[in-house]
Amino acid sequence: EKIKIMVNKFHDDAAFLQQSLTDAVNLYAQKIKVPTTPTEKLKELSWDVVETSNLLEQAQGFETTYDELLANLNPSDPNVKEVTTKHKINKSAIQSYLSNLYKKKRQPAATHVLVVMLSDEQRKTKPYALPVQYIPYNSL
């Protein structure tokens, strides 16, 4: 049951990443046509295409792996030991994949930082304050 859920999640992730890859490639193609685009921006967009491509390959690989493991759990002859072993082998790779996927899904990242500062009342002529909290946020 949980392996079926994992396979479905990997399938959904692959669909999301396929769309992200298409968007990233289109944006890179648009920016490369403009001769005034800074080199740093082109490098950033290129890395975005590569990262999305790698995540897509990982999602498809995990989907295939766990789909094959699902076949090992057929009711007539379940091979639980092999499934458990392969899952333990893939555990760290899946954690890394999920971390990178989370970073990709939470786009757009913060564009500004709101700083909450503390100051006493006697600092009217010379403002001085201590930063207390930094809050990243996305703004227009």
C-alpha atoms as a PDB file:
ATOM      1  CA  GLU A   1       0.000   0.000   0.000  1.00  0.00           C
ATOM      2  CA  LYS A   2       2.715   2.524   0.958  1.00  0.00           C
ATOM      3  CA  ILE A   3       4.871   1.511  -1.988  1.00  0.00           C
ATOM      4  CA  LYS A   4       1.936   2.221  -4.301  1.00  0.00           C
ATOM      5  CA  ILE A   5       1.656   5.673  -2.730  1.00  0.00           C
ATOM      6  CA  MET A   6       5.399   6.236  -3.231  1.00  0.00           C
ATOM      7  CA  VAL A   7       5.166   5.192  -6.890  1.00  0.00           C
ATOM      8  CA  ASN A   8       2.261   7.600  -7.392  1.00  0.00           C
ATOM      9  CA  LYS A   9       4.183  10.419  -5.669  1.00  0.00           C
ATOM     10  CA  PHE A  10       7.235   9.809  -7.841  1.00  0.00           C
ATOM     11  CA  HIS A  11       4.965   9.850 -10.900  1.00  0.00           C
ATOM     12  CA  ASP A  12       3.449  13.184  -9.801  1.00  0.00           C
ATOM     13  CA  ASP A  13       6.929  14.575  -9.136  1.00  0.00           C
ATOM     14  CA  ALA A  14       8.059  13.465 -12.588  1.00  0.00           C
ATOM     15  CA  ALA A  15       5.109  15.279 -14.180  1.00  0.00           C
ATOM     16  CA  PHE A  16       5.895  18.442 -12.180  1.00  0.00           C
ATOM     17  CA  LEU A  17       9.583  18.230 -13.077  1.00  0.00           C
ATOM     18  CA  GLN A  18       8.811  17.632 -16.754  1.00  0.00           C
ATOM     19  CA  GLN A  19       6.771  20.841 -16.796  1.00  0.00           C
ATOM     20  CA  SER A  20       9.527  22.676 -14.881  1.00  0.00           C
ATOM     21  CA  LEU A  21      12.137  21.409 -17.328  1.00  0.00           C
ATOM     22  CA  THR A  22      10.088  22.613 -20.292  1.00  0.00           C
ATOM     23  CA  ASP A  23       9.692  26.036 -18.673  1.00  0.00           C
ATOM     24  CA  ALA A  24      13.391  26.238 -17.805  1.00  0.00           C
ATOM     25  CA  VAL A  25      14.485  25.280 -21.331  1.00  0.00           C
ATOM     26  CA  ASN A  26      12.093  27.812 -22.874  1.00  0.00           C
ATOM     27  CA  LEU A  27      13.304  30.577 -20.559  1.00  0.00           C
ATOM     28  CA  TYR A  28      16.944  29.721 -21.300  1.00  0.00           C
ATOM     29  CA  ALA A  29      16.237  29.756 -25.049  1.00  0.00           C
ATOM     30  CA  GLN A  30      14.567  33.159 -24.747  1.00  0.00           C
ATOM     31  CA  LYS A  31      17.430  34.651 -22.751  1.00  0.00           C
ATOM     32  CA  ILE A  32      20.163  33.242 -24.981  1.00  0.00           C
ATOM     33  CA  LYS A  33      18.589  34.958 -28.015  1.00  0.00           C
ATOM     34  CA  VAL A  34      18.940  38.356 -26.321  1.00  0.00           C
ATOM     35  CA  PRO A  35      22.539  39.526 -26.822  1.00  0.00           C
ATOM     36  CA  THR A  36      22.513  41.787 -23.735  1.00  0.00           C
ATOM     37  CA  THR A  37      21.731  39.028 -21.251  1.00  0.00           C
ATOM     38  CA  PRO A  38      24.491  38.885 -18.617  1.00  0.00           C
ATOM     39  CA  THR A  39      26.692  35.795 -18.567  1.00  0.00           C
ATOM     40  CA  GLU A  40      25.851  35.144 -14.902  1.00  0.00           C
ATOM     41  CA  LYS A  41      22.142  34.987 -15.713  1.00  0.00           C
ATOM     42  CA  LEU A  42      22.809  32.529 -18.544  1.00  0.00           C
ATOM     43  CA  LYS A  43      24.908  30.353 -16.218  1.00  0.00           C
ATOM     44  CA  GLU A  44      22.141  30.439 -13.602  1.00  0.00           C
ATOM     45  CA  LEU A  45      19.502  29.434 -16.138  1.00  0.00           C
ATOM     46  CA  SER A  46      21.754  26.714 -17.524  1.00  0.00           C
ATOM     47  CA  TRP A  47      22.273  25.259 -14.058  1.00  0.00           C
ATOM     48  CA  ASP A  48      18.530  25.378 -13.483  1.00  0.00           C
ATOM     49  CA  VAL A  49      18.003  23.276 -16.623  1.00  0.00           C
ATOM     50  CA  VAL A  50      20.673  20.774 -15.523  1.00  0.00           C
ATOM     51  CA  GLU A  51      19.330  20.491 -11.963  1.00  0.00           C
ATOM     52  CA  THR A  52      15.764  19.993 -13.154  1.00  0.00           C
ATOM     53  CA  SER A  53      16.914  17.401 -15.665  1.00  0.00           C
ATOM     54  CA  ASN A  54      18.812  15.486 -12.959  1.00  0.00           C
ATOM     55  CA  LEU A  55      15.817  15.588 -10.609  1.00  0.00           C
ATOM     56  CA  LEU A  56      13.564  14.323 -13.387  1.00  0.00           C
ATOM     57  CA  GLU A  57      15.904  11.405 -14.083  1.00  0.00           C
ATOM     58  CA  GLN A  58      16.014  10.567 -10.364  1.00  0.00           C
ATOM     59  CA  ALA A  59      12.206  10.704 -10.057  1.00  0.00           C
ATOM     60  CA  GLN A  60      11.761   8.414 -13.048  1.00  0.00           C
ATOM     61  CA  GLY A  61      14.441   6.051 -11.722  1.00  0.00           C
ATOM     62  CA  PHE A  62      12.849   5.838  -8.280  1.00  0.00           C
ATOM     63  CA  GLU A  63       9.429   5.334  -9.839  1.00  0.00           C
ATOM     64  CA  THR A  64      10.776   2.425 -11.909  1.00  0.00           C
ATOM     65  CA  THR A  65      12.666   0.922  -8.952  1.00  0.00           C
ATOM     66  CA  TYR A  66       9.685   0.985  -6.615  1.00  0.00           C
ATOM     67  CA  ASP A  67       7.355  -0.238  -9.338  1.00  0.00           C
ATOM     68  CA  GLU A  68       9.636  -3.275  -9.714  1.00  0.00           C
ATOM     69  CA  LEU A  69       9.692  -3.712  -5.933  1.00  0.00           C
ATOM     70  CA  LEU A  70       5.918  -3.704  -5.967  1.00  0.00           C
ATOM     71  CA  ALA A  71       6.025  -6.715  -8.270  1.00  0.00           C
ATOM     72  CA  ASN A  72       8.159  -8.536  -5.654  1.00  0.00           C
ATOM     73  CA  LEU A  73       5.329  -8.194  -3.148  1.00  0.00           C
ATOM     74  CA  ASN A  74       2.804 -10.273  -5.041  1.00  0.00           C
ATOM     75  CA  PRO A  75       0.506 -12.201  -2.681  1.00  0.00           C
ATOM     76  CA  SER A  76       1.498 -15.657  -3.915  1.00  0.00           C
ATOM     77  CA  ASP A  77       5.260 -15.316  -3.290  1.00  0.00           C
ATOM     78  CA  PRO A  78       6.200 -12.116  -1.404  1.00  0.00           C
ATOM     79  CA  ASN A  79       9.912 -11.312  -1.235  1.00  0.00           C
ATOM     80  CA  VAL A  80       9.882  -8.850   1.665  1.00  0.00           C
ATOM     81  CA  LYS A  81      13.584  -9.162   2.438  1.00  0.00           C
ATOM     82  CA  GLU A  82      14.665  -7.950  -1.021  1.00  0.00           C
ATOM     83  CA  VAL A  83      12.199  -5.051  -0.866  1.00  0.00           C
ATOM     84  CA  THR A  84      13.475  -3.992   2.561  1.00  0.00           C
ATOM     85  CA  THR A  85      17.105  -4.249   1.469  1.00  0.00           C
ATOM     86  CA  LYS A  86      16.607  -2.184  -1.679  1.00  0.00           C
ATOM     87  CA  HIS A  87      14.611   0.411   0.240  1.00  0.00           C
ATOM     88  CA  LYS A  88      17.415   0.783   2.796  1.00  0.00           C
ATOM     89  CA  ILE A  89      19.959   1.155  -0.011  1.00  0.00           C
ATOM     90  CA  ASN A  90      17.889   3.913  -1.656  1.00  0.00           C
ATOM     91  CA  LYS A  91      17.017   5.718   1.577  1.00  0.00           C
ATOM     92  CA  SER A  92      19.834   8.311   1.546  1.00  0.00           C
ATOM     93  CA  ALA A  93      19.440   8.933  -2.199  1.00  0.00           C
ATOM     94  CA  ILE A  94      15.715   9.507  -1.723  1.00  0.00           C
ATOM     95  CA  GLN A  95      16.365  11.916   1.152  1.00  0.00           C
ATOM     96  CA  SER A  96      18.759  13.907  -1.021  1.00  0.00           C
ATOM     97  CA  TYR A  97      16.268  13.851  -3.896  1.00  0.00           C
ATOM     98  CA  LEU A  98      13.418  15.044  -1.662  1.00  0.00           C
ATOM     99  CA  SER A  99      15.547  17.859  -0.273  1.00  0.00           C
ATOM    100  CA  ASN A 100      16.425  19.076  -3.765  1.00  0.00           C
ATOM    101  CA  LEU A 101      12.839  18.648  -4.940  1.00  0.00           C
ATOM    102  CA  TYR A 102      11.552  20.711  -2.025  1.00  0.00           C
ATOM    103  CA  LYS A 103      13.938  23.521  -2.980  1.00  0.00           C
ATOM    104  CA  LYS A 104      12.661  23.341  -6.551  1.00  0.00           C
ATOM    105  CA  LYS A 105       8.982  23.305  -5.539  1.00  0.00           C
ATOM    106  CA  ARG A 106       9.203  26.256  -3.189  1.00  0.00           C
ATOM    107  CA  GLN A 107      10.131  28.590  -6.030  1.00  0.00           C
ATOM    108  CA  PRO A 108       9.994  31.536  -6.252  1.00  0.00           C
ATOM    109  CA  ALA A 109      12.323  32.021  -3.357  1.00  0.00           C
ATOM    110  CA  ALA A 110      12.415  35.127  -1.194  1.00  0.00           C
ATOM    111  CA  THR A 111      13.124  38.372  -2.985  1.00  0.00           C
ATOM    112  CA  HIS A 112      13.417  40.555   0.114  1.00  0.00           C
ATOM    113  CA  VAL A 113      14.317  40.265   3.767  1.00  0.00           C
ATOM    114  CA  LEU A 114      12.244  42.001   6.414  1.00  0.00           C
ATOM    115  CA  VAL A 115      14.430  42.895   9.402  1.00  0.00           C
ATOM    116  CA  VAL A 116      12.767  43.411  12.780  1.00  0.00           C
ATOM    117  CA  MET A 117      14.989  45.620  14.925  1.00  0.00           C
ATOM    118  CA  LEU A 118      14.987  46.768  18.529  1.00  0.00           C
ATOM    119  CA  SER A 119      15.947  50.243  19.718  1.00  0.00           C
ATOM    120  CA  ASP A 120      15.505  52.293  22.881  1.00  0.00           C
ATOM    121  CA  GLU A 121      13.594  55.606  22.980  1.00  0.00           C
ATOM    122  CA  GLN A 122      16.710  57.730  23.583  1.00  0.00           C
ATOM    123  CA  ARG A 123      18.051  56.970  20.118  1.00  0.00           C
ATOM    124  CA  LYS A 124      16.066  59.677  18.332  1.00  0.00           C
ATOM    125  CA  THR A 125      19.028  61.679  17.104  1.00  0.00           C
ATOM    126  CA  LYS A 126      21.396  58.794  16.369  1.00  0.00           C
ATOM    127  CA  PRO A 127      19.366  55.825  15.252  1.00  0.00           C
ATOM    128  CA  TYR A 128      20.893  52.551  16.292  1.00  0.00           C
ATOM    129  CA  ALA A 129      19.111  49.257  16.562  1.00  0.00           C
ATOM    130  CA  LEU A 130      19.861  45.596  17.068  1.00  0.00           C
ATOM    131  CA  PRO A 131      18.519  43.168  14.486  1.00  0.00           C
ATOM    132  CA  VAL A 132      16.287  40.682  16.240  1.00  0.00           C
ATOM    133  CA  GLN A 133      14.705  38.636  13.483  1.00  0.00           C
ATOM    134  CA  TYR A 134      15.154  38.158   9.725  1.00  0.00           C
ATOM    135  CA  ILE A 135      12.061  37.160   7.778  1.00  0.00           C
ATOM    136  CA  PRO A 136      12.487  36.210   4.114  1.00  0.00           C
ATOM    137  CA  TYR A 137       9.482  37.064   1.965  1.00  0.00           C
ATOM    138  CA  ASN A 138       8.458  37.426  -1.649  1.00  0.00           C
ATOM    139  CA  SER A 139       7.267  40.865  -2.665  1.00  0.00           C
ATOM    140  CA  LEU A 140       6.039  42.648  -5.746  1.00  0.00           C
END
